[in-house]
Protein backbone atom coordinates (compact mmCIF):
# COMPACT_ATOMS: atom_id res chain seq x y z
CA MET A 1 -0.39 82.12 -59.64
CA PRO A 2 1.40 83.10 -62.50
CA GLU A 3 4.84 81.95 -62.47
CA LYS A 4 6.01 82.33 -65.71
CA GLY A 5 4.49 85.96 -66.90
CA GLU A 6 1.28 83.97 -68.12
CA ASP A 7 -2.11 85.45 -66.86
CA ASP A 8 -4.90 83.52 -65.53
CA PHE A 9 -8.47 84.19 -66.47
CA TYR A 10 -11.65 82.93 -64.46
CA THR A 11 -14.14 83.01 -67.15
CA VAL A 12 -16.66 80.40 -67.96
CA TYR A 13 -17.39 80.29 -71.29
CA ALA A 14 -21.53 78.52 -71.70
CA LYS A 15 -20.62 78.05 -75.76
CA PRO A 16 -18.22 77.36 -76.96
CA ASP A 17 -16.94 79.43 -79.15
CA GLU A 18 -18.16 78.72 -82.75
CA TRP A 19 -14.63 78.59 -84.20
CA VAL A 20 -13.40 75.83 -81.59
CA LEU A 21 -16.41 73.26 -81.80
CA GLU A 22 -15.67 73.58 -86.20
CA LYS A 23 -11.89 72.34 -85.12
CA LEU A 24 -12.83 69.19 -82.70
CA LEU A 25 -15.60 68.26 -84.85
CA LYS A 26 -13.82 68.23 -87.51
CA TYR A 27 -10.96 66.35 -86.17
CA LYS A 28 -10.03 62.48 -85.06
CA THR A 29 -7.49 62.63 -83.17
CA ARG A 30 -5.46 65.55 -81.27
CA THR A 31 -2.21 65.20 -83.86
CA GLU A 32 -4.65 66.51 -86.83
CA LEU A 33 -6.69 68.75 -84.41
CA TRP A 34 -2.66 70.49 -83.55
CA GLY A 35 -1.99 71.54 -86.61
CA ASP A 36 -4.98 73.77 -87.97
CA LEU A 37 -6.32 75.07 -84.06
CA PRO A 38 -7.77 78.88 -83.89
CA VAL A 39 -5.59 81.86 -83.27
CA ARG A 40 -7.85 83.37 -82.32
CA LEU A 41 -12.14 83.31 -80.59
CA LYS A 42 -14.46 84.51 -83.17
CA TYR A 43 -16.45 85.88 -80.61
CA ILE A 44 -13.37 88.35 -80.05
CA ASP A 45 -12.84 88.35 -83.49
CA GLU A 46 -16.42 90.27 -84.28
CA LYS A 47 -16.19 92.74 -81.58
CA LYS A 48 -13.43 94.67 -83.71
């Protein structure tokens, strides 16, 4: 139940988004990854 205005989405993505997967494979630590997280998902961007 959202308490601070956030939305809960109950969607399971069987195939990981390409941009997210690319970043997870590129960096070895969370600190490195944190500075370069994608701000949007490729599959959503392609629908536009």
